[in-house]
C-alpha atoms as a PDB file:
ATOM      1  CA  MET A   1     -35.498   7.637 -15.494  1.00  0.00           C
ATOM      2  CA  ASN A   2     -32.017   7.316 -16.037  1.00  0.00           C
ATOM      3  CA  THR A   3     -29.666   5.478 -13.506  1.00  0.00           C
ATOM      4  CA  VAL A   4     -26.515   7.215 -12.898  1.00  0.00           C
ATOM      5  CA  MET A   5     -23.497   4.956 -12.390  1.00  0.00           C
ATOM      6  CA  VAL A   6     -21.019   5.558  -9.574  1.00  0.00           C
ATOM      7  CA  TYR A   7     -17.658   4.227  -9.938  1.00  0.00           C
ATOM      8  CA  PHE A   8     -14.915   3.883  -7.314  1.00  0.00           C
ATOM      9  CA  VAL A   9     -11.040   3.309  -7.364  1.00  0.00           C
ATOM     10  CA  SER A  10     -10.933  -0.417  -6.491  1.00  0.00           C
ATOM     11  CA  ALA A  11      -8.084  -2.642  -5.851  1.00  0.00           C
ATOM     12  CA  LEU A  12      -7.796  -6.151  -5.937  1.00  0.00           C
ATOM     13  CA  VAL A  13      -5.665  -7.244  -3.112  1.00  0.00           C
ATOM     14  CA  ILE A  14      -3.957 -10.333  -1.577  1.00  0.00           C
ATOM     15  CA  THR A  15      -3.619 -10.197   1.968  1.00  0.00           C
ATOM     16  CA  THR A  16      -2.825 -12.616   4.945  1.00  0.00           C
ATOM     17  CA  SER A  17      -6.884 -12.512   5.744  1.00  0.00           C
ATOM     18  CA  THR A  18      -9.130 -15.094   5.105  1.00  0.00           C
ATOM     19  CA  PRO A  19     -10.199 -15.252   2.337  1.00  0.00           C
ATOM     20  CA  PRO A  20      -7.025 -13.973   1.029  1.00  0.00           C
ATOM     21  CA  MET A  21      -7.929 -12.160  -2.223  1.00  0.00           C
ATOM     22  CA  GLY A  22     -10.519  -9.288  -2.427  1.00  0.00           C
ATOM     23  CA  TRP A  23     -11.620  -6.226  -4.141  1.00  0.00           C
ATOM     24  CA  MET A  24     -11.213  -3.037  -1.932  1.00  0.00           C
ATOM     25  CA  GLN A  25     -12.805   0.462  -2.679  1.00  0.00           C
ATOM     26  CA  TYR A  26     -11.946   4.018  -1.925  1.00  0.00           C
ATOM     27  CA  GLN A  27     -14.626   5.844  -0.865  1.00  0.00           C
ATOM     28  CA  GLN A  28     -14.462   8.781  -3.530  1.00  0.00           C
ATOM     29  CA  SER A  29     -17.077   8.108  -6.559  1.00  0.00           C
ATOM     30  CA  TYR A  30     -17.132   9.133  -9.629  1.00  0.00           C
ATOM     31  CA  SER A  31     -19.947   9.605 -12.039  1.00  0.00           C
ATOM     32  CA  ASP A  32     -17.673   9.481 -15.042  1.00  0.00           C
ATOM     33  CA  LEU A  33     -15.359   6.247 -16.051  1.00  0.00           C
ATOM     34  CA  LYS A  34     -12.836   8.059 -17.965  1.00  0.00           C
ATOM     35  CA  ILE A  35     -12.528  10.483 -15.051  1.00  0.00           C
ATOM     36  CA  CYS A  36     -12.117   7.237 -12.341  1.00  0.00           C
ATOM     37  CA  GLN A  37      -9.577   5.553 -14.798  1.00  0.00           C
ATOM     38  CA  GLN A  38      -7.340   8.699 -15.564  1.00  0.00           C
ATOM     39  CA  HIS A  39      -7.213   9.036 -11.712  1.00  0.00           C
ATOM     40  CA  ILE A  40      -5.896   5.483 -11.399  1.00  0.00           C
ATOM     41  CA  LYS A  41      -3.319   6.391 -14.132  1.00  0.00           C
ATOM     42  CA  SER A  42      -2.603   9.894 -12.436  1.00  0.00           C
ATOM     43  CA  ASP A  43      -1.970   9.015  -9.196  1.00  0.00           C
ATOM     44  CA  GLU A  44      -1.627   5.179  -9.031  1.00  0.00           C
ATOM     45  CA  GLU A  45       1.741   5.211  -6.956  1.00  0.00           C
ATOM     46  CA  ASN A  46       0.096   7.411  -4.262  1.00  0.00           C
ATOM     47  CA  ILE A  47      -3.183   4.722  -4.466  1.00  0.00           C
ATOM     48  CA  LYS A  48      -0.655   1.858  -4.028  1.00  0.00           C
ATOM     49  CA  LYS A  49       1.310   3.646  -1.216  1.00  0.00           C
ATOM     50  CA  SER A  50      -2.719   4.577   0.427  1.00  0.00           C
ATOM     51  CA  LEU A  51      -3.044   0.592   0.410  1.00  0.00           C
ATOM     52  CA  ARG A  52       0.184  -0.421   1.774  1.00  0.00           C
ATOM     53  CA  SER A  53      -0.319   2.221   4.805  1.00  0.00           C
ATOM     54  CA  TYR A  54      -3.785   0.795   5.147  1.00  0.00           C
ATOM     55  CA  LEU A  55      -3.164  -2.758   4.869  1.00  0.00           C
ATOM     56  CA  GLY A  56       0.258  -2.729   6.829  1.00  0.00           C
ATOM     57  CA  ASN A  57       1.975  -6.229   7.055  1.00  0.00           C
ATOM     58  CA  ARG A  58      -1.353  -8.076   6.255  1.00  0.00           C
ATOM     59  CA  LEU A  59      -0.549  -6.887   2.427  1.00  0.00           C
ATOM     60  CA  VAL A  60       0.856  -9.358   0.253  1.00  0.00           C
ATOM     61  CA  VAL A  61       0.453  -8.114  -3.202  1.00  0.00           C
ATOM     62  CA  ILE A  62      -1.637  -5.446  -5.065  1.00  0.00           C
ATOM     63  CA  GLN A  63      -2.761  -7.281  -8.183  1.00  0.00           C
ATOM     64  CA  GLU A  64      -4.559  -4.975  -9.906  1.00  0.00           C
ATOM     65  CA  MET A  65      -6.963  -1.653  -9.875  1.00  0.00           C
ATOM     66  CA  GLN A  66      -9.672  -0.721 -11.548  1.00  0.00           C
ATOM     67  CA  CYS A  67     -12.799   1.570 -11.558  1.00  0.00           C
ATOM     68  CA  LEU A  68     -15.880  -0.813 -10.569  1.00  0.00           C
ATOM     69  CA  THR A  69     -19.224  -0.114  -9.177  1.00  0.00           C
ATOM     70  CA  PHE A  70     -20.374  -1.079  -5.610  1.00  0.00           C
ATOM     71  CA  ASP A  71     -22.441  -3.807  -7.018  1.00  0.00           C
ATOM     72  CA  GLU A  72     -19.530  -4.693  -9.439  1.00  0.00           C
ATOM     73  CA  ALA A  73     -17.316  -5.286  -6.616  1.00  0.00           C
ATOM     74  CA  GLU A  74     -19.935  -6.937  -4.610  1.00  0.00           C
ATOM     75  CA  LYS A  75     -20.084  -9.713  -7.101  1.00  0.00           C
ATOM     76  CA  ARG A  76     -16.385 -10.382  -7.752  1.00  0.00           C
ATOM     77  CA  ASN A  77     -16.038 -10.432  -3.990  1.00  0.00           C
ATOM     78  CA  THR A  78     -19.002 -13.142  -3.312  1.00  0.00           C
ATOM     79  CA  LYS A  79     -16.981 -15.073  -6.006  1.00  0.00           C
ATOM     80  CA  LEU A  80     -13.694 -14.782  -4.020  1.00  0.00           C
ATOM     81  CA  GLY A  81     -15.918 -16.214  -0.844  1.00  0.00           C
ATOM     82  CA  HIS A  82     -16.592 -13.027   1.034  1.00  0.00           C
END
């Protein structure tokens, strides 16, 4: 049985919350990593605007964006203290 990998546009953000650093994921999923990565490249500014709008004054900086599975983001957030 093949396992389908599902990727999400994920952003490493620093906020005024505790802990301050964490990975946030969009709800839209991609079954192809390259398509997810292309979405980040082609729509990066709109993704950043969306994060700024959602987080408001809590956002300090958007460190980076990657395509991650739910499990990858969860493991990274656990390491960051979430």
